[in-house]
Protein backbone atom coordinates (compact mmCIF):
# COMPACT_ATOMS: atom_id res chain seq x y z
CA MET A 1 197.65 102.82 121.55
CA LYS A 2 196.33 106.14 122.57
CA THR A 3 192.91 107.06 121.00
CA LYS A 4 190.56 110.01 121.27
CA ASP A 5 186.72 109.44 121.77
CA ILE A 6 185.41 111.07 118.61
CA PHE A 7 182.23 110.13 116.88
CA THR A 8 181.23 112.31 114.01
CA PHE A 9 177.88 112.83 112.16
CA ARG A 10 179.45 110.92 109.27
CA ASP A 11 180.13 108.02 111.65
CA ALA A 12 176.53 108.06 112.74
CA GLU A 13 175.14 108.16 109.14
CA LYS A 14 177.20 105.16 108.34
CA GLN A 15 175.91 103.27 111.26
CA ALA A 16 172.38 104.10 110.44
CA GLY A 17 172.56 103.29 106.72
CA PRO A 18 172.19 99.86 105.05
CA VAL A 19 174.65 97.24 106.06
CA ALA A 20 177.30 96.87 103.56
CA PHE A 21 180.69 95.24 104.05
CA ALA A 22 183.32 93.03 102.38
CA THR A 23 185.06 90.00 103.35
CA MET A 24 188.26 88.38 102.46
CA LEU A 25 187.82 84.73 102.78
CA LYS A 26 190.91 82.40 103.44
CA PRO A 27 189.38 78.97 102.94
CA ALA A 28 192.84 77.39 102.92
CA GLY A 29 194.26 79.83 105.74
CA SER A 30 197.84 80.72 105.20
CA THR A 31 198.58 77.28 103.27
CA CYS A 32 200.53 78.22 100.18
CA ASN A 33 202.95 76.40 97.61
CA LEU A 34 205.42 79.47 97.77
CA ASP A 35 207.66 80.80 100.43
CA CYS A 36 207.68 84.61 99.69
CA HIS A 37 210.05 86.19 102.15
CA TYR A 38 207.77 89.27 102.94
CA CYS A 39 204.59 87.28 103.10
CA TYR A 40 202.91 88.18 106.50
CA TYR A 41 200.34 85.52 106.17
CA LEU A 42 202.56 82.48 105.82
CA ASP A 43 203.28 82.82 109.57
CA LYS A 44 199.77 82.64 110.63
CA ALA A 45 199.97 78.76 110.75
CA VAL A 46 201.98 79.24 113.88
CA GLN A 47 199.10 81.05 115.43
CA TYR A 48 196.82 78.35 114.61
CA GLY A 49 199.15 75.52 115.96
CA GLY A 50 200.88 74.51 112.91
CA ARG A 51 199.42 72.95 109.69
CA GLN A 52 196.02 74.40 108.87
CA ALA A 53 193.09 72.58 107.64
CA VAL A 54 190.98 73.71 104.70
CA MET A 55 187.54 75.14 105.36
CA SER A 56 184.93 72.38 105.39
CA ASP A 57 181.83 72.20 103.02
CA GLU A 58 179.52 72.76 106.20
CA LEU A 59 181.32 75.90 107.07
CA LEU A 60 181.60 77.12 103.43
CA GLU A 61 177.73 77.07 103.30
CA ARG A 62 177.33 78.63 106.63
CA TYR A 63 179.76 81.49 105.55
CA ILE A 64 177.97 82.01 102.01
CA LYS A 65 174.48 82.13 103.51
CA GLN A 66 175.55 84.53 106.39
CA TYR A 67 177.48 86.83 104.05
CA ILE A 68 174.81 87.26 101.61
CA THR A 69 172.03 87.73 104.15
CA ALA A 70 174.11 90.30 106.00
CA ASN A 71 174.69 92.62 103.26
CA GLU A 72 171.67 94.90 102.84
CA VAL A 73 172.74 95.97 99.23
CA PRO A 74 171.96 94.65 95.67
CA THR A 75 175.46 93.45 94.90
CA VAL A 76 177.56 91.15 97.04
CA GLN A 77 181.23 90.60 96.17
CA PHE A 78 183.14 87.50 97.29
CA CYS A 79 187.03 87.82 97.61
CA TRP A 80 188.79 84.50 97.59
CA HIS A 81 192.26 84.98 99.25
CA GLY A 82 195.01 83.12 100.97
CA GLY A 83 197.63 81.77 101.29
CA GLU A 84 197.09 80.38 97.89
CA PRO A 85 193.25 79.83 97.33
CA LEU A 86 193.82 77.65 94.22
CA LEU A 87 195.17 74.88 96.33
CA LEU A 88 191.57 73.98 97.17
CA GLY A 89 190.93 72.65 93.59
CA LEU A 90 188.22 73.45 90.91
CA ASP A 91 185.57 71.53 92.69
CA PHE A 92 185.68 73.71 95.80
CA TYR A 93 184.77 76.82 93.60
CA ARG A 94 182.06 75.06 91.72
CA ARG A 95 180.39 74.13 94.97
CA ALA A 96 180.79 77.63 96.33
CA MET A 97 179.04 79.15 93.15
CA GLU A 98 176.22 76.68 93.68
CA LEU A 99 175.86 77.76 97.18
CA GLN A 100 175.99 81.44 95.96
CA LYS A 101 173.02 80.67 93.68
CA LYS A 102 171.26 78.91 96.44
CA TYR A 103 171.38 81.84 98.79
CA ALA A 104 171.51 84.73 96.40
CA ASP A 105 167.87 85.86 97.19
CA GLY A 106 167.82 88.12 94.00
CA LYS A 107 171.24 89.83 94.82
CA ARG A 108 173.86 90.06 92.14
CA ILE A 109 176.89 87.99 93.10
CA GLU A 110 180.48 88.96 92.00
CA ASN A 111 183.65 87.01 92.42
CA THR A 112 187.18 88.16 92.73
CA LEU A 113 190.18 85.92 93.54
CA GLN A 114 193.92 86.69 94.33
CA THR A 115 196.47 84.08 93.28
CA ASN A 116 200.21 83.90 92.98
CA GLY A 117 199.67 82.73 89.53
CA THR A 118 201.78 79.43 89.57
CA LEU A 119 199.00 76.77 89.65
CA VAL A 120 196.68 78.15 86.70
CA ASP A 121 196.03 75.99 83.87
CA GLU A 122 193.42 76.00 80.98
CA ALA A 123 190.72 74.46 83.31
CA TRP A 124 191.25 77.32 85.73
CA CYS A 125 190.94 79.80 82.94
CA ASP A 126 187.60 78.22 81.80
CA LEU A 127 186.21 78.32 85.32
CA PHE A 128 187.38 82.13 85.77
CA ALA A 129 186.08 83.25 82.29
CA GLY A 130 182.95 81.30 82.25
CA ASN A 131 181.94 82.73 85.67
CA ASN A 132 183.18 86.41 85.30
CA PHE A 133 185.79 86.19 88.09
CA LEU A 134 188.03 89.06 88.35
CA VAL A 135 191.48 87.62 89.22
CA GLY A 136 194.33 89.50 90.81
CA VAL A 137 197.83 88.18 90.04
CA SER A 138 200.74 88.77 92.46
CA LEU A 139 203.58 89.84 90.28
CA ASP A 140 206.17 92.38 91.68
CA GLY A 141 207.79 93.65 88.41
CA PRO A 142 210.58 92.59 85.85
CA GLU A 143 212.31 89.17 86.63
CA ASP A 144 215.03 90.20 88.98
CA ILE A 145 212.66 92.03 91.25
CA HIS A 146 209.98 89.44 91.27
CA ASP A 147 212.25 86.49 91.87
CA ALA A 148 214.27 88.28 94.66
CA PHE A 149 211.31 87.40 97.18
CA ARG A 150 208.65 85.36 95.47
CA VAL A 151 210.15 81.79 95.41
CA THR A 152 208.96 78.32 95.96
CA LYS A 153 209.48 76.23 99.09
CA GLY A 154 212.66 74.96 97.45
CA GLY A 155 213.81 78.51 96.86
CA GLN A 156 213.16 78.45 92.98
CA PRO A 157 212.15 81.39 91.05
CA THR A 158 208.54 81.77 89.89
CA PHE A 159 208.63 84.58 87.45
CA ALA A 160 208.46 82.57 84.24
CA ARG A 161 205.46 80.54 85.50
CA VAL A 162 203.43 83.64 86.46
CA MET A 163 204.17 85.17 83.04
CA ARG A 164 202.81 81.85 81.51
CA THR A 165 199.57 82.46 83.54
CA ILE A 166 199.44 86.04 82.16
CA GLU A 167 199.49 84.61 78.62
CA LEU A 168 196.80 81.99 79.44
CA PHE A 169 194.49 84.77 80.81
CA GLN A 170 194.92 86.89 77.74
CA HIS A 171 194.12 83.99 75.48
CA GLY A 172 191.57 82.58 77.65
CA GLY A 173 189.48 85.86 78.16
CA VAL A 174 190.12 86.02 81.75
CA GLU A 175 189.75 89.55 83.39
CA TYR A 176 192.82 90.20 85.49
CA ASN A 177 194.81 92.91 87.33
CA THR A 178 198.10 93.02 89.04
CA LEU A 179 199.11 93.27 92.74
CA SER A 180 202.52 94.28 93.36
CA VAL A 181 204.62 94.57 96.63
CA VAL A 182 206.81 97.58 96.67
CA ASN A 183 209.88 96.60 98.48
CA ARG A 184 213.41 97.88 98.89
CA ARG A 185 214.42 96.38 95.61
CA CYS A 186 211.86 98.52 93.75
CA GLU A 187 213.38 101.90 94.89
CA GLY A 188 214.49 103.93 92.06
CA ARG A 189 212.84 101.80 89.54
CA GLY A 190 209.23 103.02 89.50
CA ALA A 191 209.03 104.24 86.04
CA GLU A 192 210.72 100.96 84.71
CA ILE A 193 208.25 98.83 86.77
CA TYR A 194 205.21 100.86 85.50
CA ARG A 195 206.34 100.39 81.95
CA PHE A 196 206.81 96.57 82.42
CA PHE A 197 203.25 96.25 83.66
CA ARG A 198 201.81 98.49 80.95
CA ASP A 199 203.79 97.25 77.87
CA THR A 200 204.68 93.63 78.73
CA VAL A 201 201.98 92.44 81.06
CA HIS A 202 199.04 94.64 79.76
CA SER A 203 197.71 95.07 83.09
CA ARG A 204 195.01 97.80 82.91
CA TYR A 205 194.68 97.98 86.57
CA MET A 206 197.64 97.99 88.94
CA GLN A 207 197.88 97.93 92.67
CA PHE A 208 201.27 98.83 94.34
CA LEU A 209 201.27 97.94 98.06
CA PRO A 210 204.31 98.99 100.28
CA ALA A 211 205.98 96.20 102.24
CA VAL A 212 206.87 97.41 105.73
CA GLU A 213 207.05 94.51 108.27
CA HIS A 214 208.81 93.60 111.59
CA VAL A 215 210.45 90.38 112.27
CA ILE A 216 212.14 88.30 114.88
CA ASP A 217 214.50 85.18 114.61
CA LYS A 218 212.68 82.22 115.92
CA PRO A 219 214.89 79.10 116.81
CA GLY A 220 214.24 76.18 114.46
CA TYR A 221 212.26 78.29 112.04
CA HIS A 222 213.70 78.67 108.36
CA ARG A 223 213.38 82.33 108.03
CA PRO A 224 212.59 85.50 110.24
CA LEU A 225 209.20 85.26 111.63
CA ILE A 226 206.91 88.29 110.70
CA VAL A 227 205.29 89.63 113.86
CA SER A 228 203.34 92.67 115.15
CA PRO A 229 205.85 95.66 115.72
CA GLU A 230 204.75 95.63 119.41
CA HIS A 231 206.32 92.10 119.61
CA GLU A 232 209.41 91.91 121.92
CA GLY A 233 212.54 92.04 120.10
CA ALA A 234 210.79 92.97 116.73
CA ARG A 235 212.98 94.71 114.20
CA LEU A 236 212.08 96.35 110.88
CA ALA A 237 212.68 93.75 108.00
CA GLU A 238 215.54 94.34 105.71
CA TRP A 239 213.27 94.11 102.63
CA SER A 240 210.87 96.91 103.83
CA VAL A 241 210.58 99.89 101.60
CA SER A 242 211.68 103.29 103.02
CA ALA A 243 209.41 106.34 103.28
CA GLU A 244 211.72 108.38 100.78
CA GLY A 245 211.80 105.22 98.56
CA TYR A 246 208.18 104.61 98.47
CA GLY A 247 207.36 108.48 97.84
CA ASN A 248 209.77 108.56 94.95
CA PHE A 249 208.44 105.32 93.60
CA LEU A 250 204.91 106.83 93.45
CA CYS A 251 206.17 109.96 91.94
CA ASP A 252 208.10 108.14 89.18
CA VAL A 253 205.06 105.92 88.29
CA PHE A 254 202.79 108.93 88.30
CA ASP A 255 204.95 110.96 85.95
CA GLU A 256 204.87 107.94 83.50
CA TRP A 257 201.09 107.57 83.80
CA VAL A 258 200.05 111.21 83.69
CA VAL A 259 201.57 112.00 80.39
CA ARG A 260 199.97 109.42 78.33
CA ASP A 261 197.86 106.77 80.14
CA VAL A 262 195.09 108.50 82.10
CA GLY A 263 191.90 106.99 81.30
CA GLN A 264 193.50 103.81 79.77
CA TYR A 265 195.47 102.37 82.56
CA PHE A 266 194.45 102.67 86.10
CA VAL A 267 196.84 102.71 89.23
CA GLN A 268 194.67 102.22 92.60
CA MET A 269 196.63 104.95 94.36
CA PHE A 270 196.13 107.45 91.70
CA ASP A 271 192.41 106.65 91.43
CA ALA A 272 192.09 107.02 95.16
CA THR A 273 193.92 110.11 95.29
CA LEU A 274 191.65 111.79 92.68
CA ALA A 275 188.69 110.56 94.86
CA GLN A 276 189.92 112.37 97.75
CA TRP A 277 190.51 115.56 95.78
CA CYS A 278 186.99 115.42 94.66
CA GLY A 279 185.60 114.62 98.01
CA VAL A 280 184.17 111.17 97.26
CA GLN A 281 185.01 107.75 98.84
CA PRO A 282 188.51 106.50 97.72
CA GLY A 283 187.36 102.89 97.28
CA VAL A 284 190.42 101.74 99.16
CA CYS A 285 190.42 101.04 102.84
CA SER A 286 193.87 102.47 103.73
CA MET A 287 192.73 106.09 102.56
CA GLY A 288 189.46 105.96 104.09
CA GLU A 289 188.86 108.12 107.22
CA THR A 290 187.78 105.01 109.10
CA CYS A 291 188.20 101.46 108.31
CA GLY A 292 186.85 97.93 109.48
CA ASP A 293 184.60 97.32 106.46
CA ALA A 294 186.78 94.57 104.98
CA LEU A 295 186.43 91.63 107.44
CA VAL A 296 188.72 88.73 107.14
CA VAL A 297 187.18 85.06 107.52
CA GLU A 298 189.54 82.34 108.36
CA HIS A 299 189.56 78.60 107.26
CA ASN A 300 187.85 77.75 110.60
CA GLY A 301 185.46 80.58 110.78
CA ASP A 302 187.42 83.07 112.86
CA VAL A 303 186.82 86.58 111.86
CA TYR A 304 189.15 89.67 112.17
CA SER A 305 188.59 93.25 111.33
CA CYS A 306 191.49 93.59 108.90
CA ASP A 307 193.81 91.20 106.82
CA HIS A 308 196.73 92.96 108.49
CA PHE A 309 195.62 92.47 112.15
CA VAL A 310 195.07 88.68 112.34
CA TYR A 311 196.27 88.49 115.87
CA PRO A 312 194.47 86.96 118.84
CA GLU A 313 193.85 90.34 120.44
CA TYR A 314 191.98 91.53 117.27
CA LYS A 315 189.67 88.43 116.84
CA LEU A 316 186.12 89.52 116.62
CA GLY A 317 184.25 86.16 116.86
CA ASN A 318 183.52 82.92 114.98
CA ILE A 319 180.78 82.35 112.52
CA ARG A 320 179.90 79.09 114.08
CA GLU A 321 178.88 80.92 117.22
CA THR A 322 178.03 84.47 116.11
CA THR A 323 176.61 85.39 112.72
CA LEU A 324 178.56 87.64 110.38
CA ALA A 325 175.72 90.22 110.81
CA GLU A 326 176.23 90.42 114.48
CA ILE A 327 180.06 90.51 114.27
CA TYR A 328 179.84 93.35 111.80
CA ARG A 329 177.62 95.32 114.31
CA SER A 330 179.68 94.55 117.26
CA LYS A 331 181.34 97.39 119.21
CA LYS A 332 184.73 95.96 119.00
CA ARG A 333 184.65 95.99 115.12
CA VAL A 334 183.33 99.63 115.18
CA ASP A 335 185.78 100.77 117.67
CA PHE A 336 188.64 99.15 115.57
CA GLY A 337 187.38 101.16 112.43
CA LEU A 338 187.09 104.41 114.42
CA ALA A 339 190.55 104.23 115.78
CA LYS A 340 191.94 104.72 112.40
CA ARG A 341 191.11 108.28 112.80
CA ASN A 342 190.89 108.68 116.47
CA ALA A 343 194.38 107.21 117.31
CA LEU A 344 196.20 109.72 114.91
CA PRO A 345 198.62 112.22 116.30
CA ALA A 346 197.36 115.96 116.26
CA GLU A 347 199.95 116.76 113.63
CA CYS A 348 198.34 114.33 111.32
CA LEU A 349 194.86 115.91 111.76
CA ARG A 350 196.48 119.39 110.94
CA CYS A 351 198.38 118.22 108.03
CA LYS A 352 197.56 119.92 104.64
CA TYR A 353 197.21 116.36 103.17
CA TYR A 354 195.31 114.65 105.73
CA PHE A 355 192.16 114.85 103.61
CA ALA A 356 194.15 112.89 101.01
CA CYS A 357 196.07 110.48 103.23
CA ARG A 358 193.72 109.88 106.26
CA GLY A 359 196.77 108.46 108.02
CA GLU A 360 197.11 105.63 105.59
CA CYS A 361 197.07 102.08 106.86
CA PRO A 362 197.22 101.66 110.68
CA LYS A 363 199.67 98.81 109.93
CA HIS A 364 202.28 101.23 109.08
CA ARG A 365 202.11 103.28 112.28
CA PHE A 366 205.51 102.56 113.66
CA GLU A 367 206.56 106.04 114.67
CA THR A 368 205.33 108.21 117.45
CA GLY A 369 204.06 111.84 117.12
CA ALA A 370 204.57 114.67 119.44
CA ASP A 371 201.45 113.93 121.47
CA GLY A 372 202.44 110.17 121.98
CA CYS A 373 200.09 108.81 119.26
CA ARG A 374 201.38 106.40 116.57
CA LYS A 375 202.38 107.96 113.27
CA ASN A 376 202.69 106.46 109.84
CA SER A 377 206.28 105.48 109.12
CA LEU A 378 205.61 106.26 105.40
CA CYS A 379 204.42 109.82 106.07
CA GLU A 380 207.20 111.78 104.56
CA GLY A 381 207.03 109.74 101.38
CA LEU A 382 203.26 110.08 101.10
CA LYS A 383 203.49 113.76 101.54
CA HIS A 384 206.16 114.06 98.86
CA TYR A 385 203.79 112.09 96.52
CA PHE A 386 200.79 114.20 97.30
CA ARG A 387 202.94 117.49 96.76
CA HIS A 388 204.02 116.13 93.40
CA ALA A 389 200.67 115.14 92.34
CA GLU A 390 198.76 118.19 93.54
CA PRO A 391 198.80 120.41 90.50
CA TYR A 392 197.60 117.49 88.31
CA MET A 393 194.91 116.45 90.70
CA ASP A 394 193.67 120.09 90.93
CA TYR A 395 193.46 120.15 87.10
CA MET A 396 191.46 116.71 86.89
CA ARG A 397 189.24 117.93 89.66
CA GLU A 398 188.37 121.04 87.56
CA LEU A 399 187.78 118.86 84.48
CA LEU A 400 185.42 116.68 86.41
CA SER A 401 183.64 119.83 87.70
CA LYS A 402 183.02 120.79 84.07
CA GLU A 403 181.80 117.25 83.23
CA GLN A 404 185.05 116.63 81.20
CA SER A 405 187.26 113.56 81.09
CA PRO A 406 190.10 113.58 83.39
CA ALA A 407 192.21 112.15 80.56
CA TRP A 408 192.40 115.83 79.38
CA VAL A 409 195.12 116.26 81.99
CA VAL A 410 197.52 114.65 79.62
CA PRO A 411 198.37 117.63 77.40
CA PHE A 412 198.46 119.84 80.58
CA ALA A 413 200.91 117.41 82.08
CA ARG A 414 203.06 117.19 78.86
CA ARG A 415 203.33 120.96 78.70
CA ARG A 416 204.19 121.29 82.43
CA MET A 417 206.92 118.66 82.10
CA GLY A 418 208.32 120.31 78.97
CA LEU A 419 207.34 117.38 76.63
CA MET A 420 205.49 119.44 74.11
């Protein structure tokens, strides 16, 4: 990967400021009760020699103490991830919360957890609601879309079970949002999918993440193995969303949202776009100028710079040997984060929408720019979305400059689209 040696004043400010970073903890590694076709994490078991062990109590305590201590800010947020983190059972999280209290040292502790939603019962709801967990539920859309790829080890559908979990959360007072993978089946169905989440799931905060992965065929393995695009023989997975399809998807969702739901329902991409338009931090690493502030901690204590780069060459260290604070300050971690900007092609830096896109996530840089640097394969779709959203973002930025609510964009959008 070609990179440029650029270190800006903003980079220096960040390095000099209080240490503040997130971690995505995978206490069960990639162990999961499902076999989602596009899951890039299931295959990490191969990297770790097969079946993975869960995080020990001793290592859990070491992680919690190091993580809280390393963050020099008043609030520390824990993100429990997987694989499927509920496989560890209720007692694991009860112990974790006791350890959080033990080492909090006056800091506010918050917990988020991402689940596939198939193992939740009333006891889990009690734990989540009683301890103010924010729970992300993986749900791709209506039944035919969700069940196309999100299946059990035996190939059975999971939609009905996940919808039952949504009902449990609603009745149990659990705060939840949704995370959806935008794959090739989603193309042309953006408006329908958004309405499903708004009207049926009642998800007030939605994340739509594009699936673009590379695979190889592995003898004796039951499905194509997801690998780094640099892997010999890697090909684009057939379920990957196209750039055009992703751009149209975002535009279709945006058109549904902007004419009625601004300020009531929140789509991560739209929030981040408005933040970029206003010159403030977008709150999502894929649209930041640099990255590397959301470390991944594996079940055995290994640490990586990013959830999408859990490959041996990107390993930063292990918390048994080096503290999280030292790992975060390491040159390898800093260089990884700066490369998000410094490895971009010159054409990206000159692009009208670079301020909004920032090259998006490095994991999607499969194409090559004119100067030989890697370029985002979703580029054309993203530009289409930014062009489409531009007049509305301009209008909301103007509203905010007058200390008015962005929701006042709704009548403007309706007039512009001929709906009133």
